[in-house]
């Protein structure tokens, strides 16, 4: 089943994001390689594809896991979570209807 992992950043998270980005993307790439990612990406702090120093307010991942517990465990082990980038992580089941 698909699960939404919605993560909200701490204030001024950009330096932490930059330090941890490679490990975060490497971990997500494993799900991509297994065809288990529907979508993944950050939420810019301003209305721009490149927010620069304004940074980001969070991230969204929709990925396939066996169950809610597995999705939560994956989210708990994310490098951004472990580095303190996120102040809140919400994991919920998701049903894709369109397209």
PDB file of N, CA and C in Angstrom:
ATOM      1  N   UNK A   1       0.840  -1.177   0.000  1.00  0.00           N
ATOM      2  CA  UNK A   1       0.000   0.000   0.000  1.00  0.00           C
ATOM      3  C   UNK A   1       0.887   1.243   0.000  1.00  0.00           C
ATOM      4  N   UNK A   2       0.322   2.338  -0.513  1.00  0.00           N
ATOM      5  CA  UNK A   2       1.018   3.618  -0.506  1.00  0.00           C
ATOM      6  C   UNK A   2       0.853   4.291   0.859  1.00  0.00           C
ATOM      7  N   UNK A   3       1.888   5.052   1.252  1.00  0.00           N
ATOM      8  CA  UNK A   3       1.857   5.826   2.489  1.00  0.00           C
ATOM      9  C   UNK A   3       2.416   7.216   2.224  1.00  0.00           C
ATOM     10  N   UNK A   4       1.730   8.220   2.787  1.00  0.00           N
ATOM     11  CA  UNK A   4       2.211   9.591   2.745  1.00  0.00           C
ATOM     12  C   UNK A   4       3.106   9.801   3.957  1.00  0.00           C
ATOM     13  N   UNK A   5       4.286  10.338   3.704  1.00  0.00           N
ATOM     14  CA  UNK A   5       5.185  10.746   4.776  1.00  0.00           C
ATOM     15  C   UNK A   5       5.368  12.252   4.602  1.00  0.00           C
ATOM     16  N   UNK A   6       4.715  13.008   5.495  1.00  0.00           N
ATOM     17  CA  UNK A   6       4.780  14.468   5.428  1.00  0.00           C
ATOM     18  C   UNK A   6       5.622  14.967   6.596  1.00  0.00           C
ATOM     19  N   UNK A   7       6.673  15.670   6.261  1.00  0.00           N
ATOM     20  CA  UNK A   7       7.646  16.097   7.259  1.00  0.00           C
ATOM     21  C   UNK A   7       7.691  17.621   7.310  1.00  0.00           C
ATOM     22  N   UNK A   8       7.633  18.167   8.515  1.00  0.00           N
ATOM     23  CA  UNK A   8       7.715  19.607   8.713  1.00  0.00           C
ATOM     24  C   UNK A   8       9.072  19.945   9.323  1.00  0.00           C
ATOM     25  N   UNK A   9       9.752  20.897   8.707  1.00  0.00           N
ATOM     26  CA  UNK A   9      11.098  21.276   9.140  1.00  0.00           C
ATOM     27  C   UNK A   9      11.092  22.133  10.406  1.00  0.00           C
ATOM     28  N   UNK A  10      12.199  22.053  11.138  1.00  0.00           N
ATOM     29  CA  UNK A  10      12.472  23.014  12.205  1.00  0.00           C
ATOM     30  C   UNK A  10      12.798  24.358  11.540  1.00  0.00           C
ATOM     31  N   UNK A  11      12.771  25.422  12.299  1.00  0.00           N
ATOM     32  CA  UNK A  11      13.160  26.735  11.774  1.00  0.00           C
ATOM     33  C   UNK A  11      14.626  26.686  11.335  1.00  0.00           C
ATOM     34  N   UNK A  12      14.920  27.395  10.264  1.00  0.00           N
ATOM     35  CA  UNK A  12      16.301  27.515   9.769  1.00  0.00           C
ATOM     36  C   UNK A  12      16.960  26.157   9.549  1.00  0.00           C
ATOM     37  N   UNK A  13      16.254  25.285   8.864  1.00  0.00           N
ATOM     38  CA  UNK A  13      16.725  23.911   8.652  1.00  0.00           C
ATOM     39  C   UNK A  13      17.749  23.776   7.528  1.00  0.00           C
ATOM     40  N   UNK A  14      17.918  24.811   6.718  1.00  0.00           N
ATOM     41  CA  UNK A  14      18.746  24.681   5.518  1.00  0.00           C
ATOM     42  C   UNK A  14      20.160  24.157   5.793  1.00  0.00           C
ATOM     43  N   UNK A  15      20.882  24.665   6.798  1.00  0.00           N
ATOM     44  CA  UNK A  15      22.225  24.111   7.038  1.00  0.00           C
ATOM     45  C   UNK A  15      22.199  22.605   7.349  1.00  0.00           C
ATOM     46  N   UNK A  16      21.234  22.170   8.144  1.00  0.00           N
ATOM     47  CA  UNK A  16      21.118  20.733   8.440  1.00  0.00           C
ATOM     48  C   UNK A  16      20.769  19.941   7.193  1.00  0.00           C
ATOM     49  N   UNK A  17      19.873  20.485   6.371  1.00  0.00           N
ATOM     50  CA  UNK A  17      19.511  19.820   5.116  1.00  0.00           C
ATOM     51  C   UNK A  17      20.746  19.634   4.228  1.00  0.00           C
ATOM     52  N   UNK A  18      21.521  20.704   4.096  1.00  0.00           N
ATOM     53  CA  UNK A  18      22.702  20.640   3.233  1.00  0.00           C
ATOM     54  C   UNK A  18      23.689  19.576   3.729  1.00  0.00           C
ATOM     55  N   UNK A  19      23.884  19.488   5.019  1.00  0.00           N
ATOM     56  CA  UNK A  19      24.828  18.522   5.590  1.00  0.00           C
ATOM     57  C   UNK A  19      24.379  17.077   5.361  1.00  0.00           C
ATOM     58  N   UNK A  20      23.085  16.858   5.326  1.00  0.00           N
ATOM     59  CA  UNK A  20      22.542  15.497   5.346  1.00  0.00           C
ATOM     60  C   UNK A  20      21.926  15.083   4.017  1.00  0.00           C
ATOM     61  N   UNK A  21      21.861  15.989   3.056  1.00  0.00           N
ATOM     62  CA  UNK A  21      21.126  15.754   1.806  1.00  0.00           C
ATOM     63  C   UNK A  21      21.585  14.498   1.062  1.00  0.00           C
ATOM     64  N   UNK A  22      22.875  14.301   0.921  1.00  0.00           N
ATOM     65  CA  UNK A  22      23.367  13.149   0.152  1.00  0.00           C
ATOM     66  C   UNK A  22      22.878  11.828   0.750  1.00  0.00           C
ATOM     67  N   UNK A  23      22.953  11.694   2.057  1.00  0.00           N
ATOM     68  CA  UNK A  23      22.498  10.456   2.715  1.00  0.00           C
ATOM     69  C   UNK A  23      20.988  10.294   2.585  1.00  0.00           C
ATOM     70  N   UNK A  24      20.249  11.398   2.703  1.00  0.00           N
ATOM     71  CA  UNK A  24      18.793  11.374   2.554  1.00  0.00           C
ATOM     72  C   UNK A  24      18.406  10.896   1.154  1.00  0.00           C
ATOM     73  N   UNK A  25      19.021  11.490   0.127  1.00  0.00           N
ATOM     74  CA  UNK A  25      18.701  11.110  -1.256  1.00  0.00           C
ATOM     75  C   UNK A  25      19.142   9.681  -1.572  1.00  0.00           C
ATOM     76  N   UNK A  26      20.256   9.271  -1.027  1.00  0.00           N
ATOM     77  CA  UNK A  26      20.738   7.903  -1.244  1.00  0.00           C
ATOM     78  C   UNK A  26      19.731   6.889  -0.703  1.00  0.00           C
ATOM     79  N   UNK A  27      19.176   7.185   0.446  1.00  0.00           N
ATOM     80  CA  UNK A  27      18.191   6.282   1.056  1.00  0.00           C
ATOM     81  C   UNK A  27      16.898   6.232   0.249  1.00  0.00           C
ATOM     82  N   UNK A  28      16.464   7.382  -0.247  1.00  0.00           N
ATOM     83  CA  UNK A  28      15.265   7.416  -1.096  1.00  0.00           C
ATOM     84  C   UNK A  28      15.520   6.698  -2.415  1.00  0.00           C
ATOM     85  N   UNK A  29      16.719   6.819  -2.944  1.00  0.00           N
ATOM     86  CA  UNK A  29      17.051   6.164  -4.215  1.00  0.00           C
ATOM     87  C   UNK A  29      16.852   4.651  -4.133  1.00  0.00           C
ATOM     88  N   UNK A  30      17.081   4.077  -2.965  1.00  0.00           N
ATOM     89  CA  UNK A  30      16.845   2.640  -2.799  1.00  0.00           C
ATOM     90  C   UNK A  30      15.375   2.303  -3.067  1.00  0.00           C
ATOM     91  N   UNK A  31      14.458   3.151  -2.601  1.00  0.00           N
ATOM     92  CA  UNK A  31      13.036   2.944  -2.878  1.00  0.00           C
ATOM     93  C   UNK A  31      12.721   3.172  -4.351  1.00  0.00           C
ATOM     94  N   UNK A  32      13.360   4.168  -4.953  1.00  0.00           N
ATOM     95  CA  UNK A  32      13.182   4.420  -6.390  1.00  0.00           C
ATOM     96  C   UNK A  32      13.609   3.186  -7.184  1.00  0.00           C
ATOM     97  N   UNK A  33      14.761   2.628  -6.839  1.00  0.00           N
ATOM     98  CA  UNK A  33      15.284   1.453  -7.540  1.00  0.00           C
ATOM     99  C   UNK A  33      14.355   0.246  -7.419  1.00  0.00           C
ATOM    100  N   UNK A  34      13.573   0.207  -6.349  1.00  0.00           N
ATOM    101  CA  UNK A  34      12.608  -0.884  -6.133  1.00  0.00           C
ATOM    102  C   UNK A  34      11.220  -0.525  -6.668  1.00  0.00           C
ATOM    103  N   UNK A  35      11.111   0.615  -7.365  1.00  0.00           N
ATOM    104  CA  UNK A  35       9.845   1.101  -7.929  1.00  0.00           C
ATOM    105  C   UNK A  35       8.779   1.279  -6.849  1.00  0.00           C
ATOM    106  N   UNK A  36       9.183   1.845  -5.693  1.00  0.00           N
ATOM    107  CA  UNK A  36       8.279   2.020  -4.554  1.00  0.00           C
ATOM    108  C   UNK A  36       8.011   3.481  -4.224  1.00  0.00           C
ATOM    109  N   UNK A  37       8.438   4.399  -5.105  1.00  0.00           N
ATOM    110  CA  UNK A  37       8.201   5.832  -4.880  1.00  0.00           C
ATOM    111  C   UNK A  37       7.189   6.332  -5.902  1.00  0.00           C
ATOM    112  N   UNK A  38       6.132   6.943  -5.405  1.00  0.00           N
ATOM    113  CA  UNK A  38       5.169   7.599  -6.278  1.00  0.00           C
ATOM    114  C   UNK A  38       5.622   9.028  -6.551  1.00  0.00           C
ATOM    115  N   UNK A  39       6.047   9.724  -5.481  1.00  0.00           N
ATOM    116  CA  UNK A  39       6.541  11.093  -5.597  1.00  0.00           C
ATOM    117  C   UNK A  39       7.352  11.408  -4.341  1.00  0.00           C
ATOM    118  N   UNK A  40       8.319  12.294  -4.485  1.00  0.00           N
ATOM    119  CA  UNK A  40       9.110  12.729  -3.328  1.00  0.00           C
ATOM    120  C   UNK A  40       9.724  14.081  -3.643  1.00  0.00           C
ATOM    121  N   UNK A  41       9.741  14.951  -2.648  1.00  0.00           N
ATOM    122  CA  UNK A  41      10.386  16.242  -2.847  1.00  0.00           C
ATOM    123  C   UNK A  41      10.140  17.188  -1.695  1.00  0.00           C
ATOM    124  N   UNK A  42      10.885  18.313  -1.705  1.00  0.00           N
ATOM    125  CA  UNK A  42      10.777  19.299  -0.627  1.00  0.00           C
ATOM    126  C   UNK A  42       9.687  20.331  -0.912  1.00  0.00           C
ATOM    127  N   UNK A  43       9.286  21.030   0.143  1.00  0.00           N
ATOM    128  CA  UNK A  43       8.332  22.143   0.065  1.00  0.00           C
ATOM    129  C   UNK A  43       9.115  23.436   0.265  1.00  0.00           C
ATOM    130  N   UNK A  44       9.293  24.238  -0.795  1.00  0.00           N
ATOM    131  CA  UNK A  44      10.063  25.468  -0.647  1.00  0.00           C
ATOM    132  C   UNK A  44       9.372  26.466   0.275  1.00  0.00           C
ATOM    133  N   UNK A  45      10.169  27.253   0.962  1.00  0.00           N
ATOM    134  CA  UNK A  45       9.647  28.253   1.900  1.00  0.00           C
ATOM    135  C   UNK A  45       9.041  29.452   1.177  1.00  0.00           C
ATOM    136  N   UNK A  46       9.397  29.624  -0.095  1.00  0.00           N
ATOM    137  CA  UNK A  46       8.835  30.705  -0.906  1.00  0.00           C
ATOM    138  C   UNK A  46       8.332  30.118  -2.214  1.00  0.00           C
ATOM    139  N   UNK A  47       7.574  30.887  -2.943  1.00  0.00           N
ATOM    140  CA  UNK A  47       6.976  30.444  -4.202  1.00  0.00           C
ATOM    141  C   UNK A  47       8.020  30.458  -5.314  1.00  0.00           C
ATOM    142  N   UNK A  48       8.922  29.464  -5.276  1.00  0.00           N
ATOM    143  CA  UNK A  48      10.018  29.402  -6.237  1.00  0.00           C
ATOM    144  C   UNK A  48      10.551  27.978  -6.321  1.00  0.00           C
ATOM    145  N   UNK A  49      10.939  27.560  -7.524  1.00  0.00           N
ATOM    146  CA  UNK A  49      11.561  26.244  -7.685  1.00  0.00           C
ATOM    147  C   UNK A  49      12.943  26.204  -7.057  1.00  0.00           C
ATOM    148  N   UNK A  50      13.566  27.368  -6.924  1.00  0.00           N
ATOM    149  CA  UNK A  50      14.880  27.480  -6.278  1.00  0.00           C
ATOM    150  C   UNK A  50      14.790  28.533  -5.176  1.00  0.00           C
ATOM    151  N   UNK A  51      14.432  28.119  -3.959  1.00  0.00           N
ATOM    152  CA  UNK A  51      14.226  29.104  -2.899  1.00  0.00           C
ATOM    153  C   UNK A  51      15.511  29.684  -2.315  1.00  0.00           C
ATOM    154  N   UNK A  52      16.658  29.174  -2.741  1.00  0.00           N
ATOM    155  CA  UNK A  52      17.929  29.701  -2.249  1.00  0.00           C
ATOM    156  C   UNK A  52      18.004  29.646  -0.735  1.00  0.00           C
ATOM    157  N   UNK A  53      18.454  30.725  -0.143  1.00  0.00           N
ATOM    158  CA  UNK A  53      18.650  30.774   1.309  1.00  0.00           C
ATOM    159  C   UNK A  53      17.337  30.782   2.098  1.00  0.00           C
ATOM    160  N   UNK A  54      16.202  30.986   1.410  1.00  0.00           N
ATOM    161  CA  UNK A  54      14.902  30.898   2.099  1.00  0.00           C
ATOM    162  C   UNK A  54      14.659  29.465   2.571  1.00  0.00           C
ATOM    163  N   UNK A  55      15.229  28.519   1.858  1.00  0.00           N
ATOM    164  CA  UNK A  55      15.169  27.121   2.273  1.00  0.00           C
ATOM    165  C   UNK A  55      13.820  26.465   2.083  1.00  0.00           C
ATOM    166  N   UNK A  56      13.509  25.547   2.970  1.00  0.00           N
ATOM    167  CA  UNK A  56      12.345  24.689   2.830  1.00  0.00           C
ATOM    168  C   UNK A  56      11.578  24.601   4.151  1.00  0.00           C
ATOM    169  N   UNK A  57      10.308  24.278   4.040  1.00  0.00           N
ATOM    170  CA  UNK A  57       9.466  24.139   5.230  1.00  0.00           C
ATOM    171  C   UNK A  57       9.152  22.687   5.545  1.00  0.00           C
ATOM    172  N   UNK A  58       9.507  21.788   4.640  1.00  0.00           N
ATOM    173  CA  UNK A  58       9.219  20.377   4.868  1.00  0.00           C
ATOM    174  C   UNK A  58       9.461  19.555   3.618  1.00  0.00           C
ATOM    175  N   UNK A  59       9.009  18.314   3.678  1.00  0.00           N
ATOM    176  CA  UNK A  59       9.157  17.380   2.570  1.00  0.00           C
ATOM    177  C   UNK A  59       7.941  16.471   2.496  1.00  0.00           C
ATOM    178  N   UNK A  60       7.692  15.962   1.303  1.00  0.00           N
ATOM    179  CA  UNK A  60       6.608  15.013   1.076  1.00  0.00           C
ATOM    180  C   UNK A  60       7.162  13.806   0.347  1.00  0.00           C
ATOM    181  N   UNK A  61       6.834  12.634   0.852  1.00  0.00           N
ATOM    182  CA  UNK A  61       7.183  11.378   0.184  1.00  0.00           C
ATOM    183  C   UNK A  61       5.918  10.533   0.155  1.00  0.00           C
ATOM    184  N   UNK A  62       5.613   9.981  -0.997  1.00  0.00           N
ATOM    185  CA  UNK A  62       4.565   8.964  -1.079  1.00  0.00           C
ATOM    186  C   UNK A  62       5.256   7.716  -1.607  1.00  0.00           C
ATOM    187  N   UNK A  63       5.282   6.696  -0.761  1.00  0.00           N
ATOM    188  CA  UNK A  63       6.029   5.483  -1.080  1.00  0.00           C
ATOM    189  C   UNK A  63       5.232   4.248  -0.672  1.00  0.00           C
ATOM    190  N   UNK A  64       5.618   3.135  -1.234  1.00  0.00           N
ATOM    191  CA  UNK A  64       4.942   1.867  -0.966  1.00  0.00           C
ATOM    192  C   UNK A  64       5.669   1.095   0.131  1.00  0.00           C
ATOM    193  N   UNK A  65       4.887   0.648   1.115  1.00  0.00           N
ATOM    194  CA  UNK A  65       5.405  -0.170   2.210  1.00  0.00           C
ATOM    195  C   UNK A  65       4.412  -1.289   2.480  1.00  0.00           C
ATOM    196  N   UNK A  66       4.844  -2.299   3.205  1.00  0.00           N
ATOM    197  CA  UNK A  66       3.973  -3.434   3.525  1.00  0.00           C
ATOM    198  C   UNK A  66       2.841  -3.042   4.467  1.00  0.00           C
ATOM    199  N   UNK A  67       3.126  -2.087   5.367  1.00  0.00           N
ATOM    200  CA  UNK A  67       2.111  -1.678   6.341  1.00  0.00           C
ATOM    201  C   UNK A  67       2.532  -0.351   6.962  1.00  0.00           C
ATOM    202  N   UNK A  68       1.634   0.206   7.778  1.00  0.00           N
ATOM    203  CA  UNK A  68       1.881   1.496   8.408  1.00  0.00           C
ATOM    204  C   UNK A  68       3.113   1.464   9.317  1.00  0.00           C
ATOM    205  N   UNK A  69       3.288   0.380  10.027  1.00  0.00           N
ATOM    206  CA  UNK A  69       4.434   0.250  10.916  1.00  0.00           C
ATOM    207  C   UNK A  69       5.749   0.315  10.135  1.00  0.00           C
ATOM    208  N   UNK A  70       5.810  -0.359   9.000  1.00  0.00           N
ATOM    209  CA  UNK A  70       7.020  -0.337   8.170  1.00  0.00           C
ATOM    210  C   UNK A  70       7.283   1.062   7.619  1.00  0.00           C
ATOM    211  N   UNK A  71       6.223   1.761   7.231  1.00  0.00           N
ATOM    212  CA  UNK A  71       6.370   3.130   6.730  1.00  0.00           C
ATOM    213  C   UNK A  71       6.881   4.049   7.840  1.00  0.00           C
ATOM    214  N   UNK A  72       6.344   3.899   9.036  1.00  0.00           N
ATOM    215  CA  UNK A  72       6.766   4.718  10.169  1.00  0.00           C
ATOM    216  C   UNK A  72       8.224   4.426  10.536  1.00  0.00           C
ATOM    217  N   UNK A  73       8.607   3.169  10.533  1.00  0.00           N
ATOM    218  CA  UNK A  73       9.989   2.807  10.840  1.00  0.00           C
ATOM    219  C   UNK A  73      10.944   3.405   9.807  1.00  0.00           C
ATOM    220  N   UNK A  74      10.538   3.361   8.536  1.00  0.00           N
ATOM    221  CA  UNK A  74      11.378   3.942   7.489  1.00  0.00           C
ATOM    222  C   UNK A  74      11.539   5.434   7.730  1.00  0.00           C
ATOM    223  N   UNK A  75      10.427   6.126   8.012  1.00  0.00           N
ATOM    224  CA  UNK A  75      10.471   7.570   8.258  1.00  0.00           C
ATOM    225  C   UNK A  75      11.333   7.896   9.473  1.00  0.00           C
ATOM    226  N   UNK A  76      11.226   7.094  10.514  1.00  0.00           N
ATOM    227  CA  UNK A  76      12.008   7.313  11.731  1.00  0.00           C
ATOM    228  C   UNK A  76      13.509   7.175  11.488  1.00  0.00           C
ATOM    229  N   UNK A  77      13.882   6.383  10.493  1.00  0.00           N
ATOM    230  CA  UNK A  77      15.293   6.160  10.198  1.00  0.00           C
ATOM    231  C   UNK A  77      15.867   7.060   9.116  1.00  0.00           C
ATOM    232  N   UNK A  78      15.051   7.988   8.603  1.00  0.00           N
ATOM    233  CA  UNK A  78      15.540   8.877   7.556  1.00  0.00           C
ATOM    234  C   UNK A  78      16.666   9.770   8.091  1.00  0.00           C
ATOM    235  N   UNK A  79      17.715   9.981   7.312  1.00  0.00           N
ATOM    236  CA  UNK A  79      18.814  10.837   7.771  1.00  0.00           C
ATOM    237  C   UNK A  79      18.381  12.244   8.187  1.00  0.00           C
ATOM    238  N   UNK A  80      17.398  12.816   7.506  1.00  0.00           N
ATOM    239  CA  UNK A  80      16.905  14.131   7.925  1.00  0.00           C
ATOM    240  C   UNK A  80      16.248  14.047   9.305  1.00  0.00           C
ATOM    241  N   UNK A  81      15.500  12.989   9.563  1.00  0.00           N
ATOM    242  CA  UNK A  81      14.877  12.811  10.867  1.00  0.00           C
ATOM    243  C   UNK A  81      15.954  12.687  11.942  1.00  0.00           C
ATOM    244  N   UNK A  82      16.932  11.851  11.684  1.00  0.00           N
ATOM    245  CA  UNK A  82      17.998  11.600  12.664  1.00  0.00           C
ATOM    246  C   UNK A  82      18.864  12.837  12.916  1.00  0.00           C
ATOM    247  N   UNK A  83      18.997  13.692  11.895  1.00  0.00           N
ATOM    248  CA  UNK A  83      19.828  14.900  12.032  1.00  0.00           C
ATOM    249  C   UNK A  83      19.076  16.062  12.664  1.00  0.00           C
ATOM    250  N   UNK A  84      17.769  15.910  12.868  1.00  0.00           N
ATOM    251  CA  UNK A  84      16.991  16.977  13.485  1.00  0.00           C
ATOM    252  C   UNK A  84      16.436  18.006  12.514  1.00  0.00           C
ATOM    253  N   UNK A  85      16.400  17.676  11.217  1.00  0.00           N
ATOM    254  CA  UNK A  85      15.820  18.586  10.226  1.00  0.00           C
ATOM    255  C   UNK A  85      14.319  18.739  10.453  1.00  0.00           C
ATOM    256  N   UNK A  86      13.665  17.646  10.810  1.00  0.00           N
ATOM    257  CA  UNK A  86      12.208  17.658  10.949  1.00  0.00           C
ATOM    258  C   UNK A  86      11.780  17.842  12.399  1.00  0.00           C
ATOM    259  N   UNK A  87      10.785  18.717  12.607  1.00  0.00           N
ATOM    260  CA  UNK A  87      10.195  18.863  13.935  1.00  0.00           C
ATOM    261  C   UNK A  87       8.984  17.963  14.087  1.00  0.00           C
ATOM    262  N   UNK A  88       8.375  17.560  12.958  1.00  0.00           N
ATOM    263  CA  UNK A  88       7.190  16.709  13.002  1.00  0.00           C
ATOM    264  C   UNK A  88       7.144  15.857  11.738  1.00  0.00           C
ATOM    265  N   UNK A  89       6.835  14.587  11.913  1.00  0.00           N
ATOM    266  CA  UNK A  89       6.692  13.667  10.786  1.00  0.00           C
ATOM    267  C   UNK A  89       5.356  12.958  10.941  1.00  0.00           C
ATOM    268  N   UNK A  90       4.532  13.050   9.902  1.00  0.00           N
ATOM    269  CA  UNK A  90       3.229  12.405   9.887  1.00  0.00           C
ATOM    270  C   UNK A  90       3.234  11.318   8.819  1.00  0.00           C
ATOM    271  N   UNK A  91       2.817  10.117   9.190  1.00  0.00           N
ATOM    272  CA  UNK A  91       2.754   8.995   8.259  1.00  0.00           C
ATOM    273  C   UNK A  91       1.316   8.492   8.226  1.00  0.00           C
ATOM    274  N   UNK A  92       0.751   8.435   7.005  1.00  0.00           N
ATOM    275  CA  UNK A  92      -0.647   8.002   6.849  1.00  0.00           C
ATOM    276  C   UNK A  92      -0.786   7.118   5.608  1.00  0.00           C
ATOM    277  N   UNK A  93      -1.728   6.166   5.648  1.00  0.00           N
ATOM    278  CA  UNK A  93      -2.036   5.404   4.447  1.00  0.00           C
ATOM    279  C   UNK A  93      -2.586   6.328   3.361  1.00  0.00           C
ATOM    280  N   UNK A  94      -2.378   5.944   2.105  1.00  0.00           N
ATOM    281  CA  UNK A  94      -2.780   6.773   0.974  1.00  0.00           C
ATOM    282  C   UNK A  94      -3.308   5.868  -0.142  1.00  0.00           C
ATOM    283  N   UNK A  95      -4.400   6.285  -0.754  1.00  0.00           N
ATOM    284  CA  UNK A  95      -4.947   5.555  -1.902  1.00  0.00           C
ATOM    285  C   UNK A  95      -4.867   6.460  -3.118  1.00  0.00           C
ATOM    286  N   UNK A  96      -4.118   6.036  -4.112  1.00  0.00           N
ATOM    287  CA  UNK A  96      -3.990   6.795  -5.360  1.00  0.00           C
ATOM    288  C   UNK A  96      -5.226   6.523  -6.212  1.00  0.00           C
ATOM    289  N   UNK A  97      -5.916   7.592  -6.608  1.00  0.00           N
ATOM    290  CA  UNK A  97      -7.089   7.462  -7.449  1.00  0.00           C
ATOM    291  C   UNK A  97      -6.810   7.990  -8.864  1.00  0.00           C
ATOM    292  N   UNK A  98      -6.193   9.171  -8.964  1.00  0.00           N
ATOM    293  CA  UNK A  98      -5.903   9.784 -10.267  1.00  0.00           C
ATOM    294  C   UNK A  98      -4.451  10.191 -10.338  1.00  0.00           C
ATOM    295  N   UNK A  99      -3.835  10.326 -11.449  1.00  0.00           N
ATOM    296  CA  UNK A  99      -4.275   9.818 -12.748  1.00  0.00           C
ATOM    297  C   UNK A  99      -4.127   8.324 -12.828  1.00  0.00           C
TER     298      UNK A  99
END
